Amino acid sequence: MDWNRFMAEAEADIDSFSKEVPETVKGFGVMGKAAKANGALSEKTKEFMALGIAIATRCESCIGFHMRSLVRLGATREEVCEALAMATYMGGGPSYAYSAKALKAFDTFSQ
């Protein structure tokens, strides 16, 4: 998978849909900003949680969005691999396959 091309297409699709439901998008944005704010848990910790959920639900675009955020937040390959190991443990075979995809995304976005 070409993660950069895939994410560009996903963003274009989301942008197109967003124009149809602007109030929903506005509400989703407010919720996301509040959920990701540093508090008792850091934004980085919350992004690792989101990545695990993205793997469990097999959402490739979600994996891409959250992996890009983790790269931006300075996540190391070691941290990512430990998080992916936990996601694999909790989700079994399907999460194993999506964790492998997620690691490729990390490597792509880290370049």
N, C-alpha and C. Protein backbone atom coordinates (compact mmCIF):
# COMPACT_ATOMS: atom_id res chain seq x y z
N MET A 1 0.85 -1.18 0.00
CA MET A 1 0.00 0.00 0.00
C MET A 1 0.89 1.24 0.00
N ASP A 2 0.54 2.17 -0.84
CA ASP A 2 1.21 3.47 -0.86
C ASP A 2 0.45 4.38 0.11
N TRP A 3 0.97 4.50 1.31
CA TRP A 3 0.27 5.23 2.37
C TRP A 3 0.05 6.70 2.02
N ASN A 4 0.99 7.32 1.36
CA ASN A 4 0.81 8.74 1.02
C ASN A 4 -0.32 8.92 0.02
N ARG A 5 -0.36 8.06 -1.00
CA ARG A 5 -1.44 8.15 -1.99
C ARG A 5 -2.78 7.79 -1.36
N PHE A 6 -2.79 6.72 -0.55
CA PHE A 6 -4.02 6.30 0.11
C PHE A 6 -4.60 7.42 0.97
N MET A 7 -3.73 8.09 1.74
CA MET A 7 -4.22 9.15 2.62
C MET A 7 -4.69 10.37 1.83
N ALA A 8 -4.04 10.68 0.73
CA ALA A 8 -4.49 11.79 -0.11
C ALA A 8 -5.90 11.50 -0.66
N GLU A 9 -6.13 10.27 -1.08
CA GLU A 9 -7.46 9.89 -1.57
C GLU A 9 -8.49 9.91 -0.45
N ALA A 10 -8.13 9.41 0.72
CA ALA A 10 -9.05 9.40 1.87
C ALA A 10 -9.41 10.83 2.25
N GLU A 11 -8.42 11.71 2.28
CA GLU A 11 -8.69 13.11 2.63
C GLU A 11 -9.60 13.77 1.60
N ALA A 12 -9.40 13.46 0.32
CA ALA A 12 -10.26 14.02 -0.72
C ALA A 12 -11.70 13.52 -0.55
N ASP A 13 -11.86 12.24 -0.26
CA ASP A 13 -13.20 11.69 -0.04
C ASP A 13 -13.86 12.33 1.17
N ILE A 14 -13.11 12.46 2.25
CA ILE A 14 -13.64 13.06 3.48
C ILE A 14 -14.01 14.52 3.24
N ASP A 15 -13.16 15.24 2.51
CA ASP A 15 -13.44 16.64 2.20
C ASP A 15 -14.73 16.78 1.39
N SER A 16 -14.90 15.89 0.43
CA SER A 16 -16.10 15.92 -0.40
C SER A 16 -17.36 15.66 0.44
N PHE A 17 -17.31 14.66 1.29
CA PHE A 17 -18.45 14.36 2.17
C PHE A 17 -18.69 15.49 3.17
N SER A 18 -17.62 16.06 3.68
CA SER A 18 -17.72 17.12 4.69
C SER A 18 -18.51 18.32 4.18
N LYS A 19 -18.40 18.58 2.90
CA LYS A 19 -19.15 19.70 2.31
C LYS A 19 -20.65 19.45 2.36
N GLU A 20 -21.03 18.19 2.41
CA GLU A 20 -22.45 17.83 2.45
C GLU A 20 -23.04 17.90 3.86
N VAL A 21 -22.18 17.75 4.88
CA VAL A 21 -22.67 17.70 6.27
C VAL A 21 -21.81 18.61 7.17
N PRO A 22 -21.78 19.91 6.87
CA PRO A 22 -20.87 20.80 7.60
C PRO A 22 -21.12 20.88 9.10
N GLU A 23 -22.34 20.79 9.53
CA GLU A 23 -22.61 20.87 10.97
C GLU A 23 -22.11 19.63 11.70
N THR A 24 -22.26 18.48 11.07
CA THR A 24 -21.73 17.24 11.65
C THR A 24 -20.21 17.34 11.76
N VAL A 25 -19.58 17.84 10.72
CA VAL A 25 -18.12 17.98 10.71
C VAL A 25 -17.67 18.96 11.79
N LYS A 26 -18.40 20.05 11.94
CA LYS A 26 -18.07 21.03 12.97
C LYS A 26 -18.14 20.37 14.35
N GLY A 27 -19.19 19.63 14.61
CA GLY A 27 -19.34 18.95 15.90
C GLY A 27 -18.26 17.90 16.12
N PHE A 28 -17.92 17.16 15.07
CA PHE A 28 -16.87 16.14 15.17
C PHE A 28 -15.54 16.80 15.49
N GLY A 29 -15.27 17.95 14.87
CA GLY A 29 -14.03 18.68 15.12
C GLY A 29 -13.93 19.17 16.56
N VAL A 30 -15.03 19.69 17.08
CA VAL A 30 -15.04 20.16 18.48
C VAL A 30 -14.80 18.98 19.42
N MET A 31 -15.47 17.85 19.16
CA MET A 31 -15.30 16.67 19.99
C MET A 31 -13.85 16.17 19.92
N GLY A 32 -13.27 16.13 18.73
CA GLY A 32 -11.90 15.67 18.57
C GLY A 32 -10.91 16.56 19.31
N LYS A 33 -11.09 17.86 19.21
CA LYS A 33 -10.19 18.80 19.89
C LYS A 33 -10.25 18.59 21.40
N ALA A 34 -11.44 18.42 21.93
CA ALA A 34 -11.59 18.20 23.37
C ALA A 34 -11.01 16.85 23.79
N ALA A 35 -11.24 15.83 23.00
CA ALA A 35 -10.77 14.49 23.36
C ALA A 35 -9.25 14.40 23.33
N LYS A 36 -8.60 15.13 22.41
CA LYS A 36 -7.16 15.03 22.26
C LYS A 36 -6.37 15.99 23.15
N ALA A 37 -7.05 16.89 23.83
CA ALA A 37 -6.35 17.88 24.66
C ALA A 37 -5.54 17.19 25.76
N ASN A 38 -4.36 17.72 26.00
CA ASN A 38 -3.54 17.20 27.11
C ASN A 38 -4.29 17.40 28.42
N GLY A 39 -4.27 16.40 29.24
CA GLY A 39 -4.90 16.43 30.55
C GLY A 39 -4.18 15.42 31.41
N ALA A 40 -4.92 14.57 32.10
CA ALA A 40 -4.30 13.50 32.87
C ALA A 40 -3.52 12.57 31.95
N LEU A 41 -3.99 12.44 30.70
CA LEU A 41 -3.28 11.69 29.67
C LEU A 41 -2.78 12.67 28.62
N SER A 42 -1.59 12.41 28.11
CA SER A 42 -1.04 13.27 27.06
C SER A 42 -1.73 12.99 25.73
N GLU A 43 -1.62 13.95 24.82
CA GLU A 43 -2.15 13.75 23.47
C GLU A 43 -1.51 12.51 22.84
N LYS A 44 -0.23 12.31 23.06
CA LYS A 44 0.47 11.16 22.49
C LYS A 44 -0.13 9.85 23.00
N THR A 45 -0.40 9.77 24.30
CA THR A 45 -1.02 8.56 24.87
C THR A 45 -2.39 8.34 24.24
N LYS A 46 -3.13 9.40 24.09
CA LYS A 46 -4.47 9.29 23.50
C LYS A 46 -4.39 8.85 22.04
N GLU A 47 -3.39 9.29 21.32
CA GLU A 47 -3.22 8.85 19.94
C GLU A 47 -2.86 7.37 19.87
N PHE A 48 -2.08 6.88 20.83
CA PHE A 48 -1.80 5.44 20.87
C PHE A 48 -3.10 4.67 21.12
N MET A 49 -3.95 5.18 21.99
CA MET A 49 -5.24 4.54 22.23
C MET A 49 -6.08 4.52 20.94
N ALA A 50 -6.10 5.64 20.26
CA ALA A 50 -6.86 5.73 19.02
C ALA A 50 -6.31 4.78 17.96
N LEU A 51 -5.00 4.64 17.91
CA LEU A 51 -4.39 3.70 16.97
C LEU A 51 -4.83 2.27 17.26
N GLY A 52 -4.85 1.90 18.53
CA GLY A 52 -5.31 0.56 18.90
C GLY A 52 -6.75 0.32 18.48
N ILE A 53 -7.59 1.31 18.66
CA ILE A 53 -8.99 1.19 18.25
C ILE A 53 -9.08 1.10 16.73
N ALA A 54 -8.28 1.88 16.02
CA ALA A 54 -8.28 1.85 14.56
C ALA A 54 -7.88 0.46 14.06
N ILE A 55 -6.91 -0.15 14.71
CA ILE A 55 -6.49 -1.50 14.32
C ILE A 55 -7.61 -2.50 14.62
N ALA A 56 -8.21 -2.40 15.79
CA ALA A 56 -9.27 -3.33 16.17
C ALA A 56 -10.48 -3.23 15.25
N THR A 57 -10.77 -2.03 14.76
CA THR A 57 -11.93 -1.84 13.89
C THR A 57 -11.57 -1.95 12.41
N ARG A 58 -10.28 -2.17 12.14
CA ARG A 58 -9.77 -2.36 10.77
C ARG A 58 -10.05 -1.15 9.89
N CYS A 59 -9.82 0.03 10.43
CA CYS A 59 -10.04 1.28 9.70
C CYS A 59 -8.70 1.79 9.18
N GLU A 60 -8.41 1.53 7.92
CA GLU A 60 -7.12 1.91 7.37
C GLU A 60 -6.89 3.41 7.37
N SER A 61 -7.91 4.19 7.01
CA SER A 61 -7.71 5.65 7.04
C SER A 61 -7.49 6.14 8.47
N CYS A 62 -8.17 5.54 9.44
CA CYS A 62 -7.95 5.90 10.84
C CYS A 62 -6.52 5.58 11.26
N ILE A 63 -6.03 4.42 10.83
CA ILE A 63 -4.64 4.07 11.12
C ILE A 63 -3.73 5.15 10.57
N GLY A 64 -3.97 5.56 9.34
CA GLY A 64 -3.15 6.60 8.73
C GLY A 64 -3.20 7.92 9.48
N PHE A 65 -4.39 8.39 9.81
CA PHE A 65 -4.52 9.66 10.51
C PHE A 65 -3.82 9.62 11.87
N HIS A 66 -4.04 8.56 12.63
CA HIS A 66 -3.46 8.49 13.97
C HIS A 66 -1.96 8.21 13.93
N MET A 67 -1.51 7.47 12.94
CA MET A 67 -0.07 7.23 12.82
C MET A 67 0.64 8.52 12.43
N ARG A 68 0.06 9.31 11.55
CA ARG A 68 0.67 10.61 11.22
C ARG A 68 0.74 11.50 12.45
N SER A 69 -0.30 11.47 13.27
CA SER A 69 -0.27 12.26 14.50
C SER A 69 0.82 11.76 15.44
N LEU A 70 0.98 10.45 15.54
CA LEU A 70 2.03 9.91 16.42
C LEU A 70 3.42 10.29 15.92
N VAL A 71 3.62 10.28 14.63
CA VAL A 71 4.91 10.73 14.08
C VAL A 71 5.13 12.20 14.43
N ARG A 72 4.09 13.02 14.24
CA ARG A 72 4.18 14.45 14.57
C ARG A 72 4.50 14.66 16.05
N LEU A 73 3.97 13.78 16.90
CA LEU A 73 4.17 13.90 18.35
C LEU A 73 5.48 13.26 18.82
N GLY A 74 6.27 12.74 17.90
CA GLY A 74 7.58 12.21 18.25
C GLY A 74 7.61 10.77 18.73
N ALA A 75 6.59 9.99 18.40
CA ALA A 75 6.60 8.58 18.79
C ALA A 75 7.78 7.88 18.14
N THR A 76 8.40 7.00 18.90
CA THR A 76 9.52 6.23 18.36
C THR A 76 9.01 4.92 17.77
N ARG A 77 9.84 4.31 16.95
CA ARG A 77 9.48 3.01 16.37
C ARG A 77 9.29 1.98 17.48
N GLU A 78 10.12 2.05 18.51
CA GLU A 78 10.00 1.13 19.64
C GLU A 78 8.65 1.29 20.34
N GLU A 79 8.23 2.53 20.59
CA GLU A 79 6.93 2.78 21.22
C GLU A 79 5.80 2.25 20.35
N VAL A 80 5.90 2.53 19.06
CA VAL A 80 4.87 2.07 18.13
C VAL A 80 4.79 0.55 18.13
N CYS A 81 5.94 -0.11 18.06
CA CYS A 81 5.94 -1.58 18.04
C CYS A 81 5.34 -2.16 19.31
N GLU A 82 5.62 -1.56 20.46
CA GLU A 82 5.02 -2.05 21.71
C GLU A 82 3.51 -1.86 21.70
N ALA A 83 3.05 -0.72 21.21
CA ALA A 83 1.60 -0.49 21.11
C ALA A 83 0.96 -1.48 20.14
N LEU A 84 1.64 -1.74 19.04
CA LEU A 84 1.12 -2.69 18.05
C LEU A 84 1.11 -4.11 18.60
N ALA A 85 2.09 -4.45 19.42
CA ALA A 85 2.10 -5.77 20.05
C ALA A 85 0.88 -5.93 20.95
N MET A 86 0.54 -4.89 21.69
CA MET A 86 -0.64 -4.95 22.57
C MET A 86 -1.92 -5.05 21.74
N ALA A 87 -2.00 -4.28 20.64
CA ALA A 87 -3.17 -4.35 19.77
C ALA A 87 -3.31 -5.76 19.18
N THR A 88 -2.18 -6.36 18.81
CA THR A 88 -2.20 -7.72 18.26
C THR A 88 -2.67 -8.71 19.32
N TYR A 89 -2.14 -8.57 20.52
CA TYR A 89 -2.54 -9.45 21.63
C TYR A 89 -4.05 -9.37 21.87
N MET A 90 -4.58 -8.17 21.88
CA MET A 90 -6.00 -7.98 22.19
C MET A 90 -6.91 -8.37 21.03
N GLY A 91 -6.41 -8.27 19.80
CA GLY A 91 -7.29 -8.48 18.65
C GLY A 91 -7.03 -9.73 17.84
N GLY A 92 -5.97 -10.46 18.16
CA GLY A 92 -5.70 -11.70 17.44
C GLY A 92 -5.23 -11.49 16.02
N GLY A 93 -5.49 -12.48 15.19
CA GLY A 93 -5.00 -12.51 13.82
C GLY A 93 -5.32 -11.29 12.98
N PRO A 94 -6.58 -10.82 12.95
CA PRO A 94 -6.86 -9.63 12.16
C PRO A 94 -6.06 -8.42 12.62
N SER A 95 -5.91 -8.26 13.93
CA SER A 95 -5.14 -7.12 14.43
C SER A 95 -3.65 -7.29 14.12
N TYR A 96 -3.19 -8.53 14.04
CA TYR A 96 -1.81 -8.80 13.65
C TYR A 96 -1.56 -8.25 12.24
N ALA A 97 -2.47 -8.56 11.32
CA ALA A 97 -2.33 -8.10 9.94
C ALA A 97 -2.41 -6.57 9.86
N TYR A 98 -3.32 -5.96 10.59
CA TYR A 98 -3.46 -4.51 10.54
C TYR A 98 -2.33 -3.81 11.30
N SER A 99 -1.77 -4.46 12.29
CA SER A 99 -0.59 -3.90 12.96
C SER A 99 0.60 -3.84 12.00
N ALA A 100 0.73 -4.85 11.16
CA ALA A 100 1.80 -4.84 10.16
C ALA A 100 1.61 -3.68 9.19
N LYS A 101 0.36 -3.44 8.78
CA LYS A 101 0.07 -2.29 7.92
C LYS A 101 0.40 -0.99 8.64
N ALA A 102 0.05 -0.93 9.91
CA ALA A 102 0.30 0.29 10.69
C ALA A 102 1.79 0.57 10.81
N LEU A 103 2.60 -0.46 10.99
CA LEU A 103 4.04 -0.25 11.08
C LEU A 103 4.58 0.28 9.76
N LYS A 104 4.06 -0.21 8.65
CA LYS A 104 4.49 0.32 7.36
C LYS A 104 4.10 1.78 7.24
N ALA A 105 2.93 2.14 7.74
CA ALA A 105 2.50 3.55 7.73
C ALA A 105 3.47 4.39 8.56
N PHE A 106 3.85 3.90 9.73
CA PHE A 106 4.81 4.63 10.57
C PHE A 106 6.10 4.86 9.80
N ASP A 107 6.61 3.80 9.18
CA ASP A 107 7.87 3.93 8.44
C ASP A 107 7.74 4.92 7.29
N THR A 108 6.62 4.91 6.61
CA THR A 108 6.38 5.84 5.50
C THR A 108 6.33 7.27 5.99
N PHE A 109 5.54 7.52 7.03
CA PHE A 109 5.35 8.90 7.51
C PHE A 109 6.56 9.43 8.29
N SER A 110 7.44 8.54 8.69
CA SER A 110 8.65 8.95 9.42
C SER A 110 9.77 9.42 8.50
N GLN A 111 9.63 9.18 7.22
CA GLN A 111 10.69 9.53 6.27
C GLN A 111 10.76 11.01 6.02
